[in-house]
Amino acid sequence: MNRILRALTVVLLFEMGVLLLYLPWSSFWEQNYFLSHVPWLTPIVLNPSLRGVVSGIGVLDIFVAFGMFNSRPTPARVPPHSNS
């Protein structure tokens, strides 16, 4: 993978992870457009278990970003040329 594309992917995954980790516990999560217009979603979205799942996905995104940052790309293997 190209180095610039790899760096952008790592930055995007890290930022998404931080956003998903923080957002469910902020006031923005409790006061948003969807909860004011669809009131039956309120008990589901404000459930601490759902908030924990969303934060867990954020932590996984951060781990994937660090994993991509630390891994080295492997060279492509070219099969040996046969003369037969």
PDB file of N, CA and C in Angstrom:
ATOM      1  N   MET A   1       0.854  -1.171   0.000  1.00  0.00           N
ATOM      2  CA  MET A   1       0.000   0.000   0.000  1.00  0.00           C
ATOM      3  C   MET A   1       0.898   1.231   0.000  1.00  0.00           C
ATOM      4  N   ASN A   2       0.541   2.163  -0.758  1.00  0.00           N
ATOM      5  CA  ASN A   2       1.249   3.434  -0.874  1.00  0.00           C
ATOM      6  C   ASN A   2       1.375   4.090   0.513  1.00  0.00           C
ATOM      7  N   ARG A   3       2.508   4.721   0.793  1.00  0.00           N
ATOM      8  CA  ARG A   3       2.757   5.291   2.126  1.00  0.00           C
ATOM      9  C   ARG A   3       1.788   6.406   2.487  1.00  0.00           C
ATOM     10  N   ILE A   4       1.454   7.248   1.531  1.00  0.00           N
ATOM     11  CA  ILE A   4       0.530   8.354   1.821  1.00  0.00           C
ATOM     12  C   ILE A   4      -0.863   7.822   2.122  1.00  0.00           C
ATOM     13  N   LEU A   5      -1.324   6.855   1.317  1.00  0.00           N
ATOM     14  CA  LEU A   5      -2.639   6.258   1.549  1.00  0.00           C
ATOM     15  C   LEU A   5      -2.672   5.543   2.893  1.00  0.00           C
ATOM     16  N   ARG A   6      -1.591   4.886   3.231  1.00  0.00           N
ATOM     17  CA  ARG A   6      -1.506   4.188   4.519  1.00  0.00           C
ATOM     18  C   ARG A   6      -1.566   5.183   5.682  1.00  0.00           C
ATOM     19  N   ALA A   7      -0.853   6.292   5.562  1.00  0.00           N
ATOM     20  CA  ALA A   7      -0.865   7.305   6.616  1.00  0.00           C
ATOM     21  C   ALA A   7      -2.251   7.929   6.758  1.00  0.00           C
ATOM     22  N   LEU A   8      -2.901   8.206   5.642  1.00  0.00           N
ATOM     23  CA  LEU A   8      -4.251   8.767   5.698  1.00  0.00           C
ATOM     24  C   LEU A   8      -5.239   7.787   6.323  1.00  0.00           C
ATOM     25  N   THR A   9      -5.079   6.509   6.002  1.00  0.00           N
ATOM     26  CA  THR A   9      -5.960   5.499   6.590  1.00  0.00           C
ATOM     27  C   THR A   9      -5.760   5.415   8.094  1.00  0.00           C
ATOM     28  N   VAL A  10      -4.518   5.461   8.538  1.00  0.00           N
ATOM     29  CA  VAL A  10      -4.235   5.405   9.974  1.00  0.00           C
ATOM     30  C   VAL A  10      -4.824   6.623  10.682  1.00  0.00           C
ATOM     31  N   VAL A  11      -4.652   7.794  10.114  1.00  0.00           N
ATOM     32  CA  VAL A  11      -5.188   9.016  10.727  1.00  0.00           C
ATOM     33  C   VAL A  11      -6.714   8.966  10.769  1.00  0.00           C
ATOM     34  N   LEU A  12      -7.340   8.529   9.684  1.00  0.00           N
ATOM     35  CA  LEU A  12      -8.796   8.450   9.641  1.00  0.00           C
ATOM     36  C   LEU A  12      -9.322   7.454  10.660  1.00  0.00           C
ATOM     37  N   LEU A  13      -8.711   6.280  10.750  1.00  0.00           N
ATOM     38  CA  LEU A  13      -9.150   5.287  11.733  1.00  0.00           C
ATOM     39  C   LEU A  13      -8.973   5.796  13.157  1.00  0.00           C
ATOM     40  N   PHE A  14      -7.861   6.460  13.419  1.00  0.00           N
ATOM     41  CA  PHE A  14      -7.635   6.982  14.769  1.00  0.00           C
ATOM     42  C   PHE A  14      -8.658   8.059  15.121  1.00  0.00           C
ATOM     43  N   GLU A  15      -8.910   8.976  14.187  1.00  0.00           N
ATOM     44  CA  GLU A  15      -9.882  10.037  14.458  1.00  0.00           C
ATOM     45  C   GLU A  15     -11.284   9.475  14.651  1.00  0.00           C
ATOM     46  N   MET A  16     -11.670   8.514  13.821  1.00  0.00           N
ATOM     47  CA  MET A  16     -12.989   7.894  13.990  1.00  0.00           C
ATOM     48  C   MET A  16     -13.087   7.187  15.332  1.00  0.00           C
ATOM     49  N   GLY A  17     -12.009   6.533  15.729  1.00  0.00           N
ATOM     50  CA  GLY A  17     -12.004   5.845  17.014  1.00  0.00           C
ATOM     51  C   GLY A  17     -12.154   6.798  18.178  1.00  0.00           C
ATOM     52  N   VAL A  18     -11.436   7.894  18.139  1.00  0.00           N
ATOM     53  CA  VAL A  18     -11.545   8.887  19.220  1.00  0.00           C
ATOM     54  C   VAL A  18     -12.945   9.483  19.250  1.00  0.00           C
ATOM     55  N   LEU A  19     -13.503   9.767  18.087  1.00  0.00           N
ATOM     56  CA  LEU A  19     -14.857  10.319  18.023  1.00  0.00           C
ATOM     57  C   LEU A  19     -15.876   9.325  18.583  1.00  0.00           C
ATOM     58  N   LEU A  20     -15.769   8.064  18.190  1.00  0.00           N
ATOM     59  CA  LEU A  20     -16.708   7.056  18.690  1.00  0.00           C
ATOM     60  C   LEU A  20     -16.500   6.756  20.169  1.00  0.00           C
ATOM     61  N   LEU A  21     -15.306   6.961  20.658  1.00  0.00           N
ATOM     62  CA  LEU A  21     -15.043   6.753  22.079  1.00  0.00           C
ATOM     63  C   LEU A  21     -15.631   7.882  22.919  1.00  0.00           C
ATOM     64  N   TYR A  22     -15.541   9.103  22.438  1.00  0.00           N
ATOM     65  CA  TYR A  22     -15.979  10.273  23.209  1.00  0.00           C
ATOM     66  C   TYR A  22     -17.462  10.606  23.020  1.00  0.00           C
ATOM     67  N   LEU A  23     -17.937  10.533  21.801  1.00  0.00           N
ATOM     68  CA  LEU A  23     -19.271  11.050  21.464  1.00  0.00           C
ATOM     69  C   LEU A  23     -20.425  10.468  22.277  1.00  0.00           C
ATOM     70  N   PRO A  24     -20.494   9.165  22.540  1.00  0.00           N
ATOM     71  CA  PRO A  24     -21.651   8.646  23.290  1.00  0.00           C
ATOM     72  C   PRO A  24     -21.768   9.190  24.707  1.00  0.00           C
ATOM     73  N   TRP A  25     -20.713   9.694  25.271  1.00  0.00           N
ATOM     74  CA  TRP A  25     -20.758  10.167  26.651  1.00  0.00           C
ATOM     75  C   TRP A  25     -20.826  11.697  26.724  1.00  0.00           C
ATOM     76  N   SER A  26     -20.968  12.357  25.576  1.00  0.00           N
ATOM     77  CA  SER A  26     -21.046  13.810  25.565  1.00  0.00           C
ATOM     78  C   SER A  26     -22.505  14.269  25.570  1.00  0.00           C
ATOM     79  N   SER A  27     -22.710  15.559  25.773  1.00  0.00           N
ATOM     80  CA  SER A  27     -24.069  16.102  25.759  1.00  0.00           C
ATOM     81  C   SER A  27     -24.648  16.131  24.351  1.00  0.00           C
ATOM     82  N   PHE A  28     -23.799  16.114  23.342  1.00  0.00           N
ATOM     83  CA  PHE A  28     -24.280  16.080  21.964  1.00  0.00           C
ATOM     84  C   PHE A  28     -25.092  14.814  21.699  1.00  0.00           C
ATOM     85  N   TRP A  29     -24.711  13.701  22.316  1.00  0.00           N
ATOM     86  CA  TRP A  29     -25.414  12.430  22.138  1.00  0.00           C
ATOM     87  C   TRP A  29     -26.827  12.519  22.714  1.00  0.00           C
ATOM     88  N   GLU A  30     -26.997  13.254  23.801  1.00  0.00           N
ATOM     89  CA  GLU A  30     -28.296  13.341  24.471  1.00  0.00           C
ATOM     90  C   GLU A  30     -29.227  14.367  23.848  1.00  0.00           C
ATOM     91  N   GLN A  31     -28.679  15.375  23.218  1.00  0.00           N
ATOM     92  CA  GLN A  31     -29.501  16.440  22.636  1.00  0.00           C
ATOM     93  C   GLN A  31     -29.167  16.561  21.155  1.00  0.00           C
ATOM     94  N   ASN A  32     -29.828  15.734  20.331  1.00  0.00           N
ATOM     95  CA  ASN A  32     -29.567  15.802  18.902  1.00  0.00           C
ATOM     96  C   ASN A  32     -30.866  15.811  18.115  1.00  0.00           C
ATOM     97  N   TYR A  33     -30.751  15.991  16.849  1.00  0.00           N
ATOM     98  CA  TYR A  33     -31.900  16.138  15.954  1.00  0.00           C
ATOM     99  C   TYR A  33     -32.801  14.907  15.972  1.00  0.00           C
ATOM    100  N   PHE A  34     -32.224  13.736  15.929  1.00  0.00           N
ATOM    101  CA  PHE A  34     -33.018  12.518  15.818  1.00  0.00           C
ATOM    102  C   PHE A  34     -33.819  12.224  17.071  1.00  0.00           C
ATOM    103  N   LEU A  35     -33.249  12.499  18.232  1.00  0.00           N
ATOM    104  CA  LEU A  35     -33.984  12.240  19.465  1.00  0.00           C
ATOM    105  C   LEU A  35     -35.148  13.204  19.648  1.00  0.00           C
ATOM    106  N   SER A  36     -35.039  14.409  19.135  1.00  0.00           N
ATOM    107  CA  SER A  36     -36.144  15.358  19.272  1.00  0.00           C
ATOM    108  C   SER A  36     -37.272  15.058  18.286  1.00  0.00           C
ATOM    109  N   HIS A  37     -36.951  14.446  17.144  1.00  0.00           N
ATOM    110  CA  HIS A  37     -37.982  14.161  16.145  1.00  0.00           C
ATOM    111  C   HIS A  37     -38.490  12.723  16.170  1.00  0.00           C
ATOM    112  N   VAL A  38     -37.751  11.827  16.780  1.00  0.00           N
ATOM    113  CA  VAL A  38     -38.176  10.427  16.896  1.00  0.00           C
ATOM    114  C   VAL A  38     -38.073  10.039  18.372  1.00  0.00           C
ATOM    115  N   PRO A  39     -39.100  10.369  19.160  1.00  0.00           N
ATOM    116  CA  PRO A  39     -38.989  10.192  20.620  1.00  0.00           C
ATOM    117  C   PRO A  39     -38.878   8.731  21.066  1.00  0.00           C
ATOM    118  N   TRP A  40     -39.363   7.782  20.287  1.00  0.00           N
ATOM    119  CA  TRP A  40     -39.275   6.383  20.721  1.00  0.00           C
ATOM    120  C   TRP A  40     -37.837   5.860  20.680  1.00  0.00           C
ATOM    121  N   LEU A  41     -36.929   6.581  20.023  1.00  0.00           N
ATOM    122  CA  LEU A  41     -35.517   6.183  20.003  1.00  0.00           C
ATOM    123  C   LEU A  41     -34.774   6.572  21.286  1.00  0.00           C
ATOM    124  N   THR A  42     -35.344   7.485  22.052  1.00  0.00           N
ATOM    125  CA  THR A  42     -34.656   8.017  23.232  1.00  0.00           C
ATOM    126  C   THR A  42     -34.205   6.932  24.211  1.00  0.00           C
ATOM    127  N   PRO A  43     -35.093   6.004  24.639  1.00  0.00           N
ATOM    128  CA  PRO A  43     -34.605   5.002  25.601  1.00  0.00           C
ATOM    129  C   PRO A  43     -33.556   4.056  25.011  1.00  0.00           C
ATOM    130  N   ILE A  44     -33.598   3.843  23.708  1.00  0.00           N
ATOM    131  CA  ILE A  44     -32.623   2.949  23.074  1.00  0.00           C
ATOM    132  C   ILE A  44     -31.262   3.641  22.970  1.00  0.00           C
ATOM    133  N   VAL A  45     -31.262   4.872  22.470  1.00  0.00           N
ATOM    134  CA  VAL A  45     -30.008   5.586  22.230  1.00  0.00           C
ATOM    135  C   VAL A  45     -29.332   6.001  23.535  1.00  0.00           C
ATOM    136  N   LEU A  46     -30.110   6.305  24.546  1.00  0.00           N
ATOM    137  CA  LEU A  46     -29.533   6.739  25.823  1.00  0.00           C
ATOM    138  C   LEU A  46     -29.191   5.578  26.751  1.00  0.00           C
ATOM    139  N   ASN A  47     -29.424   4.343  26.305  1.00  0.00           N
ATOM    140  CA  ASN A  47     -29.092   3.172  27.104  1.00  0.00           C
ATOM    141  C   ASN A  47     -27.571   3.075  27.260  1.00  0.00           C
ATOM    142  N   PRO A  48     -27.097   2.921  28.486  1.00  0.00           N
ATOM    143  CA  PRO A  48     -25.642   2.845  28.696  1.00  0.00           C
ATOM    144  C   PRO A  48     -24.981   1.667  27.954  1.00  0.00           C
ATOM    145  N   SER A  49     -25.714   0.587  27.738  1.00  0.00           N
ATOM    146  CA  SER A  49     -25.134  -0.553  27.012  1.00  0.00           C
ATOM    147  C   SER A  49     -24.830  -0.186  25.571  1.00  0.00           C
ATOM    148  N   LEU A  50     -25.728   0.533  24.918  1.00  0.00           N
ATOM    149  CA  LEU A  50     -25.479   0.958  23.543  1.00  0.00           C
ATOM    150  C   LEU A  50     -24.314   1.942  23.496  1.00  0.00           C
ATOM    151  N   ARG A  51     -24.261   2.822  24.473  1.00  0.00           N
ATOM    152  CA  ARG A  51     -23.137   3.766  24.535  1.00  0.00           C
ATOM    153  C   ARG A  51     -21.821   3.010  24.697  1.00  0.00           C
ATOM    154  N   GLY A  52     -21.824   1.965  25.512  1.00  0.00           N
ATOM    155  CA  GLY A  52     -20.625   1.166  25.709  1.00  0.00           C
ATOM    156  C   GLY A  52     -20.209   0.427  24.443  1.00  0.00           C
ATOM    157  N   VAL A  53     -21.194  -0.074  23.687  1.00  0.00           N
ATOM    158  CA  VAL A  53     -20.882  -0.764  22.431  1.00  0.00           C
ATOM    159  C   VAL A  53     -20.254   0.207  21.440  1.00  0.00           C
ATOM    160  N   VAL A  54     -20.808   1.396  21.331  1.00  0.00           N
ATOM    161  CA  VAL A  54     -20.262   2.394  20.406  1.00  0.00           C
ATOM    162  C   VAL A  54     -18.847   2.796  20.847  1.00  0.00           C
ATOM    163  N   SER A  55     -18.640   2.961  22.139  1.00  0.00           N
ATOM    164  CA  SER A  55     -17.295   3.287  22.632  1.00  0.00           C
ATOM    165  C   SER A  55     -16.329   2.136  22.391  1.00  0.00           C
ATOM    166  N   GLY A  56     -16.805   0.907  22.527  1.00  0.00           N
ATOM    167  CA  GLY A  56     -15.969  -0.256  22.255  1.00  0.00           C
ATOM    168  C   GLY A  56     -15.532  -0.314  20.801  1.00  0.00           C
ATOM    169  N   ILE A  57     -16.429   0.040  19.889  1.00  0.00           N
ATOM    170  CA  ILE A  57     -16.066   0.097  18.473  1.00  0.00           C
ATOM    171  C   ILE A  57     -15.008   1.179  18.257  1.00  0.00           C
ATOM    172  N   GLY A  58     -15.115   2.271  18.995  1.00  0.00           N
ATOM    173  CA  GLY A  58     -14.097   3.321  18.911  1.00  0.00           C
ATOM    174  C   GLY A  58     -12.734   2.832  19.382  1.00  0.00           C
ATOM    175  N   VAL A  59     -12.714   2.062  20.456  1.00  0.00           N
ATOM    176  CA  VAL A  59     -11.449   1.512  20.958  1.00  0.00           C
ATOM    177  C   VAL A  59     -10.855   0.550  19.930  1.00  0.00           C
ATOM    178  N   LEU A  60     -11.708  -0.272  19.309  1.00  0.00           N
ATOM    179  CA  LEU A  60     -11.215  -1.182  18.273  1.00  0.00           C
ATOM    180  C   LEU A  60     -10.624  -0.418  17.099  1.00  0.00           C
ATOM    181  N   ASP A  61     -11.262   0.668  16.704  1.00  0.00           N
ATOM    182  CA  ASP A  61     -10.720   1.491  15.621  1.00  0.00           C
ATOM    183  C   ASP A  61      -9.338   2.034  15.977  1.00  0.00           C
ATOM    184  N   ILE A  62      -9.170   2.468  17.211  1.00  0.00           N
ATOM    185  CA  ILE A  62      -7.873   2.984  17.648  1.00  0.00           C
ATOM    186  C   ILE A  62      -6.822   1.873  17.613  1.00  0.00           C
ATOM    187  N   PHE A  63      -7.175   0.665  18.071  1.00  0.00           N
ATOM    188  CA  PHE A  63      -6.236  -0.456  18.026  1.00  0.00           C
ATOM    189  C   PHE A  63      -5.866  -0.828  16.594  1.00  0.00           C
ATOM    190  N   VAL A  64      -6.837  -0.812  15.690  1.00  0.00           N
ATOM    191  CA  VAL A  64      -6.551  -1.117  14.288  1.00  0.00           C
ATOM    192  C   VAL A  64      -5.612  -0.062  13.700  1.00  0.00           C
ATOM    193  N   ALA A  65      -5.837   1.201  14.047  1.00  0.00           N
ATOM    194  CA  ALA A  65      -4.966   2.270  13.551  1.00  0.00           C
ATOM    195  C   ALA A  65      -3.536   2.068  14.039  1.00  0.00           C
ATOM    196  N   PHE A  66      -3.360   1.747  15.329  1.00  0.00           N
ATOM    197  CA  PHE A  66      -2.011   1.508  15.839  1.00  0.00           C
ATOM    198  C   PHE A  66      -1.405   0.249  15.218  1.00  0.00           C
ATOM    199  N   GLY A  67      -2.228  -0.749  14.966  1.00  0.00           N
ATOM    200  CA  GLY A  67      -1.733  -1.959  14.325  1.00  0.00           C
ATOM    201  C   GLY A  67      -1.257  -1.695  12.911  1.00  0.00           C
ATOM    202  N   MET A  68      -1.980  -0.867  12.173  1.00  0.00           N
ATOM    203  CA  MET A  68      -1.547  -0.522  10.819  1.00  0.00           C
ATOM    204  C   MET A  68      -0.307   0.357  10.857  1.00  0.00           C
ATOM    205  N   PHE A  69      -0.196   1.191  11.873  1.00  0.00           N
ATOM    206  CA  PHE A  69       0.964   2.078  12.000  1.00  0.00           C
ATOM    207  C   PHE A  69       2.228   1.273  12.280  1.00  0.00           C
ATOM    208  N   ASN A  70       2.122   0.249  13.103  1.00  0.00           N
ATOM    209  CA  ASN A  70       3.289  -0.518  13.516  1.00  0.00           C
ATOM    210  C   ASN A  70       3.680  -1.615  12.532  1.00  0.00           C
ATOM    211  N   SER A  71       2.770  -2.067  11.684  1.00  0.00           N
ATOM    212  CA  SER A  71       3.098  -3.180  10.792  1.00  0.00           C
ATOM    213  C   SER A  71       3.906  -2.701   9.599  1.00  0.00           C
ATOM    214  N   ARG A  72       4.745  -3.555   9.117  1.00  0.00           N
ATOM    215  CA  ARG A  72       5.564  -3.268   7.942  1.00  0.00           C
ATOM    216  C   ARG A  72       4.926  -3.940   6.737  1.00  0.00           C
ATOM    217  N   PRO A  73       4.863  -3.248   5.628  1.00  0.00           N
ATOM    218  CA  PRO A  73       4.317  -3.897   4.436  1.00  0.00           C
ATOM    219  C   PRO A  73       5.269  -4.989   3.951  1.00  0.00           C
ATOM    220  N   THR A  74       4.705  -6.099   3.536  1.00  0.00           N
ATOM    221  CA  THR A  74       5.531  -7.195   3.040  1.00  0.00           C
ATOM    222  C   THR A  74       5.702  -7.051   1.537  1.00  0.00           C
ATOM    223  N   PRO A  75       6.877  -7.376   1.033  1.00  0.00           N
ATOM    224  CA  PRO A  75       7.078  -7.271  -0.416  1.00  0.00           C
ATOM    225  C   PRO A  75       6.260  -8.338  -1.141  1.00  0.00           C
ATOM    226  N   ALA A  76       5.854  -8.021  -2.345  1.00  0.00           N
ATOM    227  CA  ALA A  76       5.078  -8.968  -3.136  1.00  0.00           C
ATOM    228  C   ALA A  76       5.977 -10.120  -3.563  1.00  0.00           C
ATOM    229  N   ARG A  77       5.446 -11.317  -3.465  1.00  0.00           N
ATOM    230  CA  ARG A  77       6.218 -12.489  -3.868  1.00  0.00           C
ATOM    231  C   ARG A  77       5.981 -12.760  -5.348  1.00  0.00           C
ATOM    232  N   VAL A  78       7.060 -12.912  -6.042  1.00  0.00           N
ATOM    233  CA  VAL A  78       6.983 -13.215  -7.465  1.00  0.00           C
ATOM    234  C   VAL A  78       7.360 -14.682  -7.623  1.00  0.00           C
ATOM    235  N   PRO A  79       6.491 -15.479  -8.248  1.00  0.00           N
ATOM    236  CA  PRO A  79       6.839 -16.901  -8.400  1.00  0.00           C
ATOM    237  C   PRO A  79       8.051 -17.034  -9.312  1.00  0.00           C
ATOM    238  N   PRO A  80       8.874 -18.060  -9.071  1.00  0.00           N
ATOM    239  CA  PRO A  80      10.050 -18.253  -9.909  1.00  0.00           C
ATOM    240  C   PRO A  80       9.664 -18.579 -11.356  1.00  0.00           C
ATOM    241  N   HIS A  81      10.457 -18.117 -12.268  1.00  0.00           N
ATOM    242  CA  HIS A  81      10.194 -18.325 -13.693  1.00  0.00           C
ATOM    243  C   HIS A  81      10.633 -19.733 -14.081  1.00  0.00           C
ATOM    244  N   SER A  82       9.740 -20.471 -14.671  1.00  0.00           N
ATOM    245  CA  SER A  82      10.100 -21.827 -15.115  1.00  0.00           C
ATOM    246  C   SER A  82      10.309 -21.824 -16.621  1.00  0.00           C
ATOM    247  N   ASN A  83      11.307 -22.555 -17.085  1.00  0.00           N
ATOM    248  CA  ASN A  83      11.655 -22.598 -18.508  1.00  0.00           C
ATOM    249  C   ASN A  83      10.973 -23.752 -19.242  1.00  0.00           C
ATOM    250  N   SER A  84      10.088 -24.463 -18.623  1.00  0.00           N
ATOM    251  CA  SER A  84       9.485 -25.593 -19.323  1.00  0.00           C
ATOM    252  C   SER A  84       8.240 -25.261 -20.068  1.00  0.00           C
TER     253      SER A  84
END
